[in-house]
Amino acid sequence: MASILTAVGLFGTPAAPLPNYSPFFIGWQFVYAYGLLSSRTLKQWYGLDHQVAPREDLAKYGEAAVRDGKITRRQLAMLKRNEAAHANSVENFPFIATSLALASFAGVPAHVINAAGLSYTIARLVYGAVYILIDHPTWSQVRGLVWWWGNLSCLTLLWYAQKQFIGQASLAGSSMR
């Protein structure tokens, strides 16, 4: 098994062709976006999870929980940020999944795909932590920078895929002559 540094093209030369870890990155991002970042866990922790209408938990019961002393206003704000981070990750999941799949289909080198997948994964982990844990207006601006970091990983994959498709088209065109 190749080391992670070799798999992303940062260290050494692999003895064999590198594996493409796109399926792993897509699976991980799905579990992270839809499961680990789900707001249900924190809402259950604070006793605000209502299975009957879970999307209304905070809107319907949040203020009452603060008023009754079950949670603080700051905790309610964190729960709302968790819901927003979860929604954003779910919204962004198709972008990384499509970028990885298209790059793989185009024949982008595995080390480029793996590096972009790892970069996106790190960016989304930082994004989730910053979104949920930081409530200071100035420091919360980091979230936007990290969001763009993740998206640039996807755009990089699309750029490399486009280069591959153009190269394949020009090779096909020259062989037709």
C-alpha atoms as a PDB file:
ATOM      1  CA  MET A   1       0.000   0.000   0.000  1.00  0.00           C
ATOM      2  CA  ALA A   2       1.368   3.399  -0.996  1.00  0.00           C
ATOM      3  CA  SER A   3       1.960   5.949   1.719  1.00  0.00           C
ATOM      4  CA  ILE A   4      -0.389   8.919   1.696  1.00  0.00           C
ATOM      5  CA  LEU A   5       2.468  11.244   0.727  1.00  0.00           C
ATOM      6  CA  THR A   6       3.341   9.045  -2.233  1.00  0.00           C
ATOM      7  CA  ALA A   7      -0.326   8.659  -3.193  1.00  0.00           C
ATOM      8  CA  VAL A   8      -0.696  12.434  -3.507  1.00  0.00           C
ATOM      9  CA  GLY A   9       2.598  12.845  -5.363  1.00  0.00           C
ATOM     10  CA  LEU A  10       4.502  14.603  -2.597  1.00  0.00           C
ATOM     11  CA  PHE A  11       7.077  11.971  -1.700  1.00  0.00           C
ATOM     12  CA  GLY A  12       9.002   9.319  -3.540  1.00  0.00           C
ATOM     13  CA  THR A  13       8.269   7.403  -6.665  1.00  0.00           C
ATOM     14  CA  PRO A  14       5.811   4.539  -6.352  1.00  0.00           C
ATOM     15  CA  ALA A  15       7.057   1.072  -7.298  1.00  0.00           C
ATOM     16  CA  ALA A  16       3.735   0.316  -8.992  1.00  0.00           C
ATOM     17  CA  PRO A  17       0.989   2.464 -10.469  1.00  0.00           C
ATOM     18  CA  LEU A  18      -0.813   4.424  -7.774  1.00  0.00           C
ATOM     19  CA  PRO A  19      -4.361   3.481  -6.917  1.00  0.00           C
ATOM     20  CA  ASN A  20      -7.082   6.041  -7.555  1.00  0.00           C
ATOM     21  CA  TYR A  21      -8.786   6.710  -4.211  1.00  0.00           C
ATOM     22  CA  SER A  22     -11.846   8.444  -5.701  1.00  0.00           C
ATOM     23  CA  PRO A  23     -14.294   5.824  -4.365  1.00  0.00           C
ATOM     24  CA  PHE A  24     -12.871   6.279  -0.863  1.00  0.00           C
ATOM     25  CA  PHE A  25     -13.102  10.085  -1.025  1.00  0.00           C
ATOM     26  CA  ILE A  26     -16.654   9.990  -2.401  1.00  0.00           C
ATOM     27  CA  GLY A  27     -17.735   7.499   0.269  1.00  0.00           C
ATOM     28  CA  TRP A  28     -16.045   9.492   3.030  1.00  0.00           C
ATOM     29  CA  GLN A  29     -17.614  12.777   1.902  1.00  0.00           C
ATOM     30  CA  PHE A  30     -21.048  11.140   1.830  1.00  0.00           C
ATOM     31  CA  VAL A  31     -20.666   9.779   5.377  1.00  0.00           C
ATOM     32  CA  TYR A  32     -19.248  13.099   6.590  1.00  0.00           C
ATOM     33  CA  ALA A  33     -21.880  15.321   4.963  1.00  0.00           C
ATOM     34  CA  TYR A  34     -24.943  13.196   5.645  1.00  0.00           C
ATOM     35  CA  GLY A  35     -23.894  11.503   8.876  1.00  0.00           C
ATOM     36  CA  LEU A  36     -21.085  12.990  10.913  1.00  0.00           C
ATOM     37  CA  LEU A  37     -22.079  16.621  10.347  1.00  0.00           C
ATOM     38  CA  SER A  38     -25.748  15.865  10.889  1.00  0.00           C
ATOM     39  CA  SER A  39     -27.262  18.164  13.467  1.00  0.00           C
ATOM     40  CA  ARG A  40     -29.234  15.292  14.998  1.00  0.00           C
ATOM     41  CA  THR A  41     -26.365  14.208  17.257  1.00  0.00           C
ATOM     42  CA  LEU A  42     -25.924  17.586  18.964  1.00  0.00           C
ATOM     43  CA  LYS A  43     -29.695  18.132  19.148  1.00  0.00           C
ATOM     44  CA  GLN A  44     -30.059  14.742  20.854  1.00  0.00           C
ATOM     45  CA  TRP A  45     -27.217  15.641  23.231  1.00  0.00           C
ATOM     46  CA  TYR A  46     -29.080  18.803  24.265  1.00  0.00           C
ATOM     47  CA  GLY A  47     -32.483  17.088  24.349  1.00  0.00           C
ATOM     48  CA  LEU A  48     -33.968  18.988  21.393  1.00  0.00           C
ATOM     49  CA  ASP A  49     -34.402  16.146  18.931  1.00  0.00           C
ATOM     50  CA  HIS A  50     -38.027  15.479  17.998  1.00  0.00           C
ATOM     51  CA  GLN A  51     -38.421  12.619  15.548  1.00  0.00           C
ATOM     52  CA  VAL A  52     -41.934  13.766  14.577  1.00  0.00           C
ATOM     53  CA  ALA A  53     -40.651  16.970  12.927  1.00  0.00           C
ATOM     54  CA  PRO A  54     -36.843  17.010  13.163  1.00  0.00           C
ATOM     55  CA  ARG A  55     -36.402  19.885  10.688  1.00  0.00           C
ATOM     56  CA  GLU A  56     -38.416  22.101  12.997  1.00  0.00           C
ATOM     57  CA  ASP A  57     -36.549  21.237  16.189  1.00  0.00           C
ATOM     58  CA  LEU A  58     -34.663  24.482  16.590  1.00  0.00           C
ATOM     59  CA  ALA A  59     -37.276  26.778  15.083  1.00  0.00           C
ATOM     60  CA  LYS A  60     -40.087  25.291  17.134  1.00  0.00           C
ATOM     61  CA  TYR A  61     -38.368  24.280  20.380  1.00  0.00           C
ATOM     62  CA  GLY A  62     -35.067  26.198  20.458  1.00  0.00           C
ATOM     63  CA  GLU A  63     -36.299  29.426  22.045  1.00  0.00           C
ATOM     64  CA  ALA A  64     -38.418  27.480  24.534  1.00  0.00           C
ATOM     65  CA  ALA A  65     -35.352  25.446  25.559  1.00  0.00           C
ATOM     66  CA  VAL A  66     -33.398  28.668  26.152  1.00  0.00           C
ATOM     67  CA  ARG A  67     -36.307  30.192  28.067  1.00  0.00           C
ATOM     68  CA  ASP A  68     -36.677  27.039  30.205  1.00  0.00           C
ATOM     69  CA  GLY A  69     -32.934  26.961  30.945  1.00  0.00           C
ATOM     70  CA  LYS A  70     -32.283  23.647  29.138  1.00  0.00           C
ATOM     71  CA  ILE A  71     -29.658  25.278  26.904  1.00  0.00           C
ATOM     72  CA  THR A  72     -28.000  28.664  26.643  1.00  0.00           C
ATOM     73  CA  ARG A  73     -28.504  31.140  23.802  1.00  0.00           C
ATOM     74  CA  ARG A  74     -24.912  30.434  22.736  1.00  0.00           C
ATOM     75  CA  GLN A  75     -25.631  26.695  22.569  1.00  0.00           C
ATOM     76  CA  LEU A  76     -28.730  27.378  20.467  1.00  0.00           C
ATOM     77  CA  ALA A  77     -26.639  29.494  18.100  1.00  0.00           C
ATOM     78  CA  MET A  78     -24.098  26.656  17.832  1.00  0.00           C
ATOM     79  CA  LEU A  79     -26.883  24.181  17.033  1.00  0.00           C
ATOM     80  CA  LYS A  80     -28.124  26.510  14.290  1.00  0.00           C
ATOM     81  CA  ARG A  81     -24.611  26.779  12.860  1.00  0.00           C
ATOM     82  CA  ASN A  82     -24.349  22.974  12.946  1.00  0.00           C
ATOM     83  CA  GLU A  83     -27.546  22.726  10.887  1.00  0.00           C
ATOM     84  CA  ALA A  84     -26.132  25.230   8.401  1.00  0.00           C
ATOM     85  CA  ALA A  85     -22.785  23.394   8.166  1.00  0.00           C
ATOM     86  CA  HIS A  86     -24.626  20.123   7.563  1.00  0.00           C
ATOM     87  CA  ALA A  87     -26.810  21.694   4.863  1.00  0.00           C
ATOM     88  CA  ASN A  88     -23.789  23.225   3.149  1.00  0.00           C
ATOM     89  CA  SER A  89     -21.905  19.936   3.135  1.00  0.00           C
ATOM     90  CA  VAL A  90     -24.902  18.135   1.659  1.00  0.00           C
ATOM     91  CA  GLU A  91     -25.228  20.858  -0.983  1.00  0.00           C
ATOM     92  CA  ASN A  92     -21.510  20.660  -1.812  1.00  0.00           C
ATOM     93  CA  PHE A  93     -21.331  16.845  -1.941  1.00  0.00           C
ATOM     94  CA  PRO A  94     -22.391  16.582  -5.624  1.00  0.00           C
ATOM     95  CA  PHE A  95     -19.579  18.948  -6.629  1.00  0.00           C
ATOM     96  CA  ILE A  96     -16.791  16.811  -5.174  1.00  0.00           C
ATOM     97  CA  ALA A  97     -18.415  13.525  -6.227  1.00  0.00           C
ATOM     98  CA  THR A  98     -18.846  14.719  -9.812  1.00  0.00           C
ATOM     99  CA  SER A  99     -15.361  16.257  -9.935  1.00  0.00           C
ATOM    100  CA  LEU A 100     -13.725  13.044  -8.727  1.00  0.00           C
ATOM    101  CA  ALA A 101     -15.793  10.865 -11.056  1.00  0.00           C
ATOM    102  CA  LEU A 102     -15.161  13.055 -14.092  1.00  0.00           C
ATOM    103  CA  ALA A 103     -11.427  13.268 -13.384  1.00  0.00           C
ATOM    104  CA  SER A 104     -11.279   9.488 -13.030  1.00  0.00           C
ATOM    105  CA  PHE A 105     -13.224   8.965 -16.255  1.00  0.00           C
ATOM    106  CA  ALA A 106     -10.971  11.401 -18.095  1.00  0.00           C
ATOM    107  CA  GLY A 107      -7.846   9.554 -16.979  1.00  0.00           C
ATOM    108  CA  VAL A 108      -6.361  12.257 -14.772  1.00  0.00           C
ATOM    109  CA  PRO A 109      -3.285  10.835 -13.014  1.00  0.00           C
ATOM    110  CA  ALA A 110      -4.085   9.147  -9.713  1.00  0.00           C
ATOM    111  CA  HIS A 111      -1.711  11.335  -7.709  1.00  0.00           C
ATOM    112  CA  VAL A 112      -3.574  14.469  -8.885  1.00  0.00           C
ATOM    113  CA  ILE A 113      -6.965  12.948  -8.033  1.00  0.00           C
ATOM    114  CA  ASN A 114      -5.729  11.739  -4.653  1.00  0.00           C
ATOM    115  CA  ALA A 115      -4.135  15.096  -3.805  1.00  0.00           C
ATOM    116  CA  ALA A 116      -7.307  17.005  -4.705  1.00  0.00           C
ATOM    117  CA  GLY A 117      -9.470  14.521  -2.794  1.00  0.00           C
ATOM    118  CA  LEU A 118      -7.285  14.823   0.286  1.00  0.00           C
ATOM    119  CA  SER A 119      -7.172  18.605  -0.007  1.00  0.00           C
ATOM    120  CA  TYR A 120     -10.971  18.770  -0.252  1.00  0.00           C
ATOM    121  CA  THR A 121     -11.359  16.417   2.714  1.00  0.00           C
ATOM    122  CA  ILE A 122      -9.091  18.515   4.919  1.00  0.00           C
ATOM    123  CA  ALA A 123     -10.838  21.702   3.795  1.00  0.00           C
ATOM    124  CA  ARG A 124     -14.282  20.291   4.636  1.00  0.00           C
ATOM    125  CA  LEU A 125     -13.136  19.081   8.070  1.00  0.00           C
ATOM    126  CA  VAL A 126     -11.757  22.535   8.854  1.00  0.00           C
ATOM    127  CA  TYR A 127     -14.884  24.148   7.372  1.00  0.00           C
ATOM    128  CA  GLY A 128     -17.187  22.104   9.620  1.00  0.00           C
ATOM    129  CA  ALA A 129     -15.164  22.866  12.740  1.00  0.00           C
ATOM    130  CA  VAL A 130     -14.927  26.571  11.965  1.00  0.00           C
ATOM    131  CA  TYR A 131     -18.619  26.830  11.108  1.00  0.00           C
ATOM    132  CA  ILE A 132     -19.827  25.067  14.247  1.00  0.00           C
ATOM    133  CA  LEU A 133     -17.313  26.252  16.836  1.00  0.00           C
ATOM    134  CA  ILE A 134     -16.433  29.838  15.901  1.00  0.00           C
ATOM    135  CA  ASP A 135     -18.979  32.508  16.738  1.00  0.00           C
ATOM    136  CA  HIS A 136     -16.723  35.564  16.538  1.00  0.00           C
ATOM    137  CA  PRO A 137     -17.612  37.736  13.489  1.00  0.00           C
ATOM    138  CA  THR A 138     -14.009  38.346  12.428  1.00  0.00           C
ATOM    139  CA  TRP A 139     -12.733  34.795  12.905  1.00  0.00           C
ATOM    140  CA  SER A 140     -15.810  33.322  11.236  1.00  0.00           C
ATOM    141  CA  GLN A 141     -14.504  34.824   7.966  1.00  0.00           C
ATOM    142  CA  VAL A 142     -12.081  31.902   7.885  1.00  0.00           C
ATOM    143  CA  ARG A 143     -15.080  29.780   6.917  1.00  0.00           C
ATOM    144  CA  GLY A 144     -15.376  31.514   3.546  1.00  0.00           C
ATOM    145  CA  LEU A 145     -11.694  31.039   2.810  1.00  0.00           C
ATOM    146  CA  VAL A 146     -11.867  27.352   3.663  1.00  0.00           C
ATOM    147  CA  TRP A 147     -15.043  26.960   1.566  1.00  0.00           C
ATOM    148  CA  TRP A 148     -13.133  28.328  -1.426  1.00  0.00           C
ATOM    149  CA  TRP A 149     -10.182  26.048  -0.652  1.00  0.00           C
ATOM    150  CA  GLY A 150     -12.491  23.036  -0.973  1.00  0.00           C
ATOM    151  CA  ASN A 151     -14.093  24.337  -4.141  1.00  0.00           C
ATOM    152  CA  LEU A 152     -10.688  25.061  -5.686  1.00  0.00           C
ATOM    153  CA  SER A 153      -9.847  21.386  -5.135  1.00  0.00           C
ATOM    154  CA  CYS A 154     -12.915  20.483  -7.217  1.00  0.00           C
ATOM    155  CA  LEU A 155     -12.153  23.093  -9.868  1.00  0.00           C
ATOM    156  CA  THR A 156      -8.609  21.748 -10.119  1.00  0.00           C
ATOM    157  CA  LEU A 157      -9.994  18.279 -10.849  1.00  0.00           C
ATOM    158  CA  LEU A 158     -12.287  19.702 -13.521  1.00  0.00           C
ATOM    159  CA  TRP A 159      -9.391  21.632 -15.076  1.00  0.00           C
ATOM    160  CA  TYR A 160      -7.234  18.506 -15.260  1.00  0.00           C
ATOM    161  CA  ALA A 161     -10.168  16.521 -16.678  1.00  0.00           C
ATOM    162  CA  GLN A 162     -10.661  19.157 -19.352  1.00  0.00           C
ATOM    163  CA  LYS A 163      -6.957  19.000 -20.249  1.00  0.00           C
ATOM    164  CA  GLN A 164      -7.231  15.227 -20.583  1.00  0.00           C
ATOM    165  CA  PHE A 165     -10.333  15.461 -22.780  1.00  0.00           C
ATOM    166  CA  ILE A 166      -8.709  18.062 -25.039  1.00  0.00           C
ATOM    167  CA  GLY A 167      -5.594  15.896 -25.297  1.00  0.00           C
ATOM    168  CA  GLN A 168      -7.665  12.841 -26.153  1.00  0.00           C
ATOM    169  CA  ALA A 169      -9.649  14.798 -28.740  1.00  0.00           C
ATOM    170  CA  SER A 170      -6.500  16.125 -30.418  1.00  0.00           C
ATOM    171  CA  LEU A 171      -4.986  12.639 -30.488  1.00  0.00           C
ATOM    172  CA  ALA A 172      -8.166  11.241 -31.998  1.00  0.00           C
ATOM    173  CA  GLY A 173      -8.227  14.053 -34.558  1.00  0.00           C
ATOM    174  CA  SER A 174      -4.622  13.501 -35.598  1.00  0.00           C
ATOM    175  CA  SER A 175      -5.150   9.746 -36.013  1.00  0.00           C
ATOM    176  CA  MET A 176      -8.089  10.397 -38.351  1.00  0.00           C
ATOM    177  CA  ARG A 177      -5.853  12.180 -40.876  1.00  0.00           C
END
